[in-house]
N, C-alpha and C. Protein backbone atom coordinates (compact mmCIF):
# COMPACT_ATOMS: atom_id res chain seq x y z
N UNK A 1 0.85 -1.17 0.00
CA UNK A 1 0.00 0.00 0.00
C UNK A 1 0.89 1.24 0.00
N UNK A 2 0.48 2.21 -0.74
CA UNK A 2 1.26 3.45 -0.81
C UNK A 2 1.13 4.21 0.51
N UNK A 3 2.21 4.85 0.97
CA UNK A 3 2.18 5.58 2.24
C UNK A 3 1.13 6.69 2.26
N UNK A 4 0.95 7.37 1.14
CA UNK A 4 -0.01 8.47 1.09
C UNK A 4 -1.43 7.94 1.29
N UNK A 5 -1.75 6.82 0.66
CA UNK A 5 -3.08 6.21 0.81
C UNK A 5 -3.29 5.73 2.25
N UNK A 6 -2.26 5.15 2.83
CA UNK A 6 -2.35 4.66 4.21
C UNK A 6 -2.62 5.83 5.16
N UNK A 7 -1.95 6.97 4.94
CA UNK A 7 -2.18 8.14 5.80
C UNK A 7 -3.61 8.64 5.67
N UNK A 8 -4.17 8.63 4.46
CA UNK A 8 -5.56 9.07 4.26
C UNK A 8 -6.53 8.15 4.99
N UNK A 9 -6.27 6.85 4.92
CA UNK A 9 -7.16 5.90 5.60
C UNK A 9 -7.11 6.10 7.11
N UNK A 10 -5.90 6.28 7.65
CA UNK A 10 -5.75 6.51 9.08
C UNK A 10 -6.43 7.81 9.48
N UNK A 11 -6.26 8.86 8.70
CA UNK A 11 -6.87 10.15 9.01
C UNK A 11 -8.40 10.06 8.97
N UNK A 12 -8.93 9.38 7.98
CA UNK A 12 -10.38 9.23 7.87
C UNK A 12 -10.92 8.42 9.04
N UNK A 13 -10.22 7.37 9.41
CA UNK A 13 -10.65 6.54 10.54
C UNK A 13 -10.62 7.32 11.85
N UNK A 14 -9.56 8.09 12.04
CA UNK A 14 -9.44 8.90 13.25
C UNK A 14 -10.55 9.95 13.30
N UNK A 15 -10.86 10.54 12.16
CA UNK A 15 -11.95 11.52 12.11
C UNK A 15 -13.29 10.91 12.45
N UNK A 16 -13.53 9.71 11.98
CA UNK A 16 -14.80 9.03 12.27
C UNK A 16 -14.90 8.70 13.75
N UNK A 17 -13.82 8.24 14.35
CA UNK A 17 -13.81 7.92 15.78
C UNK A 17 -14.03 9.19 16.59
N UNK A 18 -13.38 10.27 16.22
CA UNK A 18 -13.54 11.54 16.93
C UNK A 18 -14.98 12.04 16.82
N UNK A 19 -15.55 11.97 15.64
CA UNK A 19 -16.94 12.42 15.45
C UNK A 19 -17.89 11.58 16.29
N UNK A 20 -17.68 10.28 16.34
CA UNK A 20 -18.54 9.42 17.14
C UNK A 20 -18.42 9.74 18.62
N UNK A 21 -17.23 10.08 19.06
CA UNK A 21 -17.01 10.41 20.47
C UNK A 21 -17.67 11.74 20.85
N UNK A 22 -17.78 12.65 19.90
CA UNK A 22 -18.34 13.97 20.19
C UNK A 22 -19.87 14.01 20.13
N UNK A 23 -20.50 12.99 19.54
CA UNK A 23 -21.95 12.97 19.45
C UNK A 23 -22.51 12.50 20.79
N UNK A 24 -23.35 13.34 21.39
CA UNK A 24 -23.90 13.00 22.71
C UNK A 24 -25.08 12.04 22.57
N UNK A 25 -25.36 11.26 23.60
CA UNK A 25 -26.53 10.38 23.56
C UNK A 25 -27.83 11.15 23.33
N UNK A 26 -27.94 12.37 23.85
CA UNK A 26 -29.15 13.17 23.65
C UNK A 26 -29.36 13.47 22.18
N UNK A 27 -28.28 13.72 21.45
CA UNK A 27 -28.38 13.98 20.02
C UNK A 27 -28.88 12.74 19.29
N UNK A 28 -28.36 11.59 19.67
CA UNK A 28 -28.77 10.34 19.03
C UNK A 28 -30.24 10.07 19.32
N UNK A 29 -30.68 10.25 20.56
CA UNK A 29 -32.08 10.00 20.91
C UNK A 29 -33.00 10.99 20.21
N UNK A 30 -32.59 12.24 20.11
CA UNK A 30 -33.42 13.25 19.44
C UNK A 30 -33.59 12.92 17.97
N UNK A 31 -32.60 12.31 17.37
CA UNK A 31 -32.68 11.97 15.95
C UNK A 31 -33.73 10.90 15.69
N UNK A 32 -34.08 10.13 16.72
CA UNK A 32 -35.06 9.06 16.55
C UNK A 32 -36.49 9.52 16.78
N UNK A 33 -36.67 10.77 17.25
CA UNK A 33 -38.00 11.27 17.51
C UNK A 33 -38.52 12.04 16.29
N UNK A 34 -39.78 11.78 15.90
CA UNK A 34 -40.34 12.51 14.76
C UNK A 34 -40.37 14.02 15.02
N UNK A 35 -40.24 14.78 13.98
CA UNK A 35 -40.31 16.23 14.08
C UNK A 35 -40.83 16.79 12.76
N UNK A 36 -40.99 18.09 12.71
CA UNK A 36 -41.56 18.72 11.52
C UNK A 36 -40.70 18.52 10.27
N UNK A 37 -39.41 18.28 10.44
CA UNK A 37 -38.53 18.10 9.28
C UNK A 37 -38.52 16.67 8.76
N UNK A 38 -38.97 15.73 9.58
CA UNK A 38 -38.95 14.32 9.18
C UNK A 38 -40.01 14.04 8.13
N UNK A 39 -39.68 13.21 7.16
CA UNK A 39 -40.66 12.84 6.14
C UNK A 39 -41.59 11.79 6.69
N UNK A 40 -42.80 11.75 6.17
CA UNK A 40 -43.76 10.74 6.61
C UNK A 40 -43.28 9.33 6.27
N UNK A 41 -42.50 9.18 5.21
CA UNK A 41 -41.97 7.86 4.88
C UNK A 41 -41.00 7.41 5.98
N UNK A 42 -40.14 8.29 6.41
CA UNK A 42 -39.20 7.97 7.48
C UNK A 42 -39.90 7.70 8.80
N UNK A 43 -40.90 8.51 9.11
CA UNK A 43 -41.66 8.33 10.35
C UNK A 43 -42.38 6.99 10.31
N UNK A 44 -43.00 6.66 9.20
CA UNK A 44 -43.72 5.39 9.06
C UNK A 44 -42.77 4.21 9.21
N UNK A 45 -41.64 4.26 8.53
CA UNK A 45 -40.68 3.16 8.60
C UNK A 45 -40.16 2.98 10.03
N UNK A 46 -39.92 4.08 10.72
CA UNK A 46 -39.45 4.00 12.11
C UNK A 46 -40.52 3.39 13.01
N UNK A 47 -41.78 3.70 12.74
CA UNK A 47 -42.87 3.22 13.58
C UNK A 47 -43.16 1.74 13.39
N UNK A 48 -42.82 1.17 12.25
CA UNK A 48 -43.16 -0.23 11.97
C UNK A 48 -41.95 -1.16 11.98
N UNK A 49 -40.81 -0.63 12.35
CA UNK A 49 -39.59 -1.45 12.36
C UNK A 49 -39.13 -1.67 13.79
N UNK A 50 -38.66 -2.83 14.09
CA UNK A 50 -38.55 -4.05 13.31
C UNK A 50 -39.90 -4.74 13.19
N UNK A 51 -40.03 -5.69 12.29
CA UNK A 51 -41.29 -6.40 12.12
C UNK A 51 -41.79 -6.97 13.44
N UNK A 52 -43.10 -6.89 13.62
CA UNK A 52 -43.72 -7.41 14.83
C UNK A 52 -43.90 -6.40 15.93
N UNK A 53 -43.42 -5.17 15.74
CA UNK A 53 -43.54 -4.15 16.78
C UNK A 53 -44.72 -3.22 16.58
N UNK A 54 -45.45 -3.39 15.48
CA UNK A 54 -46.58 -2.52 15.18
C UNK A 54 -47.81 -3.34 14.84
N UNK A 55 -48.93 -3.00 15.48
CA UNK A 55 -50.20 -3.65 15.12
C UNK A 55 -50.66 -3.20 13.74
N UNK A 56 -50.29 -1.99 13.36
CA UNK A 56 -50.69 -1.41 12.07
C UNK A 56 -50.07 -2.19 10.90
N UNK A 57 -48.81 -2.51 11.01
CA UNK A 57 -48.08 -3.25 9.97
C UNK A 57 -47.22 -4.31 10.66
N UNK A 58 -47.83 -5.44 11.07
CA UNK A 58 -47.06 -6.44 11.79
C UNK A 58 -45.89 -7.02 10.99
N UNK A 59 -45.97 -6.94 9.67
CA UNK A 59 -44.88 -7.43 8.83
C UNK A 59 -43.77 -6.43 8.63
N UNK A 60 -43.89 -5.27 9.25
CA UNK A 60 -42.85 -4.25 9.18
C UNK A 60 -42.73 -3.61 7.81
N UNK A 61 -41.52 -3.19 7.48
CA UNK A 61 -41.26 -2.47 6.23
C UNK A 61 -41.58 -3.32 5.01
N UNK A 62 -41.31 -4.62 5.09
CA UNK A 62 -41.59 -5.49 3.94
C UNK A 62 -43.09 -5.48 3.61
N UNK A 63 -43.93 -5.53 4.62
CA UNK A 63 -45.37 -5.49 4.40
C UNK A 63 -45.79 -4.14 3.83
N UNK A 64 -45.26 -3.06 4.40
CA UNK A 64 -45.59 -1.71 3.95
C UNK A 64 -45.21 -1.52 2.48
N UNK A 65 -44.01 -1.93 2.12
CA UNK A 65 -43.53 -1.78 0.74
C UNK A 65 -44.42 -2.60 -0.20
N UNK A 66 -44.79 -3.81 0.22
CA UNK A 66 -45.67 -4.64 -0.60
C UNK A 66 -47.02 -3.99 -0.83
N UNK A 67 -47.57 -3.38 0.21
CA UNK A 67 -48.87 -2.70 0.08
C UNK A 67 -48.78 -1.49 -0.84
N UNK A 68 -47.69 -0.74 -0.73
CA UNK A 68 -47.51 0.42 -1.61
C UNK A 68 -47.39 -0.05 -3.07
N UNK A 69 -46.67 -1.14 -3.28
CA UNK A 69 -46.53 -1.67 -4.65
C UNK A 69 -47.87 -2.15 -5.19
N UNK A 70 -48.68 -2.79 -4.36
CA UNK A 70 -50.02 -3.22 -4.79
C UNK A 70 -50.88 -2.02 -5.15
N UNK A 71 -50.84 -0.99 -4.32
CA UNK A 71 -51.62 0.22 -4.59
C UNK A 71 -51.16 0.89 -5.88
N UNK A 72 -49.85 0.93 -6.09
CA UNK A 72 -49.31 1.53 -7.31
C UNK A 72 -49.80 0.76 -8.54
N UNK A 73 -49.79 -0.56 -8.46
CA UNK A 73 -50.27 -1.37 -9.58
C UNK A 73 -51.75 -1.11 -9.83
N UNK A 74 -52.52 -1.00 -8.76
CA UNK A 74 -53.95 -0.72 -8.90
C UNK A 74 -54.19 0.64 -9.55
N UNK A 75 -53.38 1.62 -9.17
CA UNK A 75 -53.54 2.98 -9.71
C UNK A 75 -52.88 3.15 -11.08
N UNK A 76 -52.06 2.18 -11.47
CA UNK A 76 -51.37 2.26 -12.75
C UNK A 76 -50.21 3.25 -12.76
N UNK A 77 -49.56 3.39 -11.60
CA UNK A 77 -48.40 4.28 -11.50
C UNK A 77 -47.20 3.48 -11.01
N UNK A 78 -46.03 4.06 -11.14
CA UNK A 78 -44.82 3.41 -10.64
C UNK A 78 -44.79 3.51 -9.11
N UNK A 79 -44.35 2.46 -8.42
CA UNK A 79 -44.28 2.52 -6.95
C UNK A 79 -43.45 3.70 -6.45
N UNK A 80 -42.41 4.05 -7.18
CA UNK A 80 -41.57 5.18 -6.77
C UNK A 80 -42.34 6.48 -6.66
N UNK A 81 -43.37 6.64 -7.48
CA UNK A 81 -44.18 7.86 -7.41
C UNK A 81 -44.91 7.94 -6.08
N UNK A 82 -45.41 6.81 -5.60
CA UNK A 82 -46.09 6.80 -4.30
C UNK A 82 -45.10 6.99 -3.16
N UNK A 83 -43.96 6.31 -3.24
CA UNK A 83 -42.95 6.49 -2.19
C UNK A 83 -42.49 7.94 -2.14
N UNK A 84 -42.32 8.56 -3.30
CA UNK A 84 -41.91 9.96 -3.37
C UNK A 84 -42.96 10.87 -2.75
N UNK A 85 -44.23 10.58 -3.04
CA UNK A 85 -45.31 11.38 -2.48
C UNK A 85 -45.32 11.28 -0.96
N UNK A 86 -45.22 10.06 -0.43
CA UNK A 86 -45.22 9.87 1.02
C UNK A 86 -44.02 10.57 1.65
N UNK A 87 -42.88 10.47 1.01
CA UNK A 87 -41.67 11.12 1.53
C UNK A 87 -41.77 12.64 1.48
N UNK A 88 -42.59 13.17 0.58
CA UNK A 88 -42.71 14.63 0.47
C UNK A 88 -43.57 15.23 1.57
N UNK A 89 -44.32 14.39 2.27
CA UNK A 89 -45.17 14.88 3.37
C UNK A 89 -44.34 15.01 4.64
N UNK A 90 -44.53 16.09 5.35
CA UNK A 90 -43.81 16.35 6.60
C UNK A 90 -44.84 16.78 7.64
N UNK A 91 -45.66 15.83 8.10
CA UNK A 91 -46.75 16.16 9.00
C UNK A 91 -46.31 16.29 10.45
N UNK A 92 -45.16 15.75 10.81
CA UNK A 92 -44.61 15.96 12.15
C UNK A 92 -44.74 14.83 13.13
N UNK A 93 -45.65 13.89 12.90
CA UNK A 93 -45.79 12.75 13.81
C UNK A 93 -46.42 11.59 13.04
N UNK A 94 -46.34 10.41 13.63
CA UNK A 94 -46.90 9.24 12.98
C UNK A 94 -48.41 9.39 12.80
N UNK A 95 -49.10 9.84 13.84
CA UNK A 95 -50.56 10.00 13.76
C UNK A 95 -50.92 11.05 12.70
N UNK A 96 -50.19 12.14 12.65
CA UNK A 96 -50.47 13.19 11.66
C UNK A 96 -50.19 12.70 10.25
N UNK A 97 -49.16 11.88 10.09
CA UNK A 97 -48.86 11.32 8.76
C UNK A 97 -49.97 10.37 8.32
N UNK A 98 -50.42 9.51 9.24
CA UNK A 98 -51.52 8.61 8.91
C UNK A 98 -52.76 9.41 8.50
N UNK A 99 -53.05 10.47 9.23
CA UNK A 99 -54.21 11.31 8.91
C UNK A 99 -54.04 11.97 7.54
N UNK A 100 -52.85 12.46 7.25
CA UNK A 100 -52.59 13.10 5.96
C UNK A 100 -52.75 12.13 4.81
N UNK A 101 -52.36 10.88 5.01
CA UNK A 101 -52.45 9.88 3.95
C UNK A 101 -53.87 9.32 3.80
N UNK A 102 -54.63 9.33 4.86
CA UNK A 102 -56.01 8.81 4.80
C UNK A 102 -56.97 9.86 4.31
N UNK A 103 -56.67 11.13 4.57
CA UNK A 103 -57.60 12.20 4.24
C UNK A 103 -57.46 12.75 2.92
């Protein structure tokens, strides 16, 4: 391995370790809570993962993705269009996202 490449790898690794050490647990926990900036797709996926933790979608993300694909086929659109639409919504909470998608 070339010395210059080895130095870059060491520097990148050290930077990653330093960044991980500087992130507080409060920051990590706050990142898991829905907020106005979070997309409804992200909020939904967080609420149903891992499989078996949600009565709404007991099959987790796999079930949700399957249902979106079925709906897309029924509507005659590409599944990505529906995923994009859901991701474009920023209702702020799981309940608000469900309401936005049902209404």
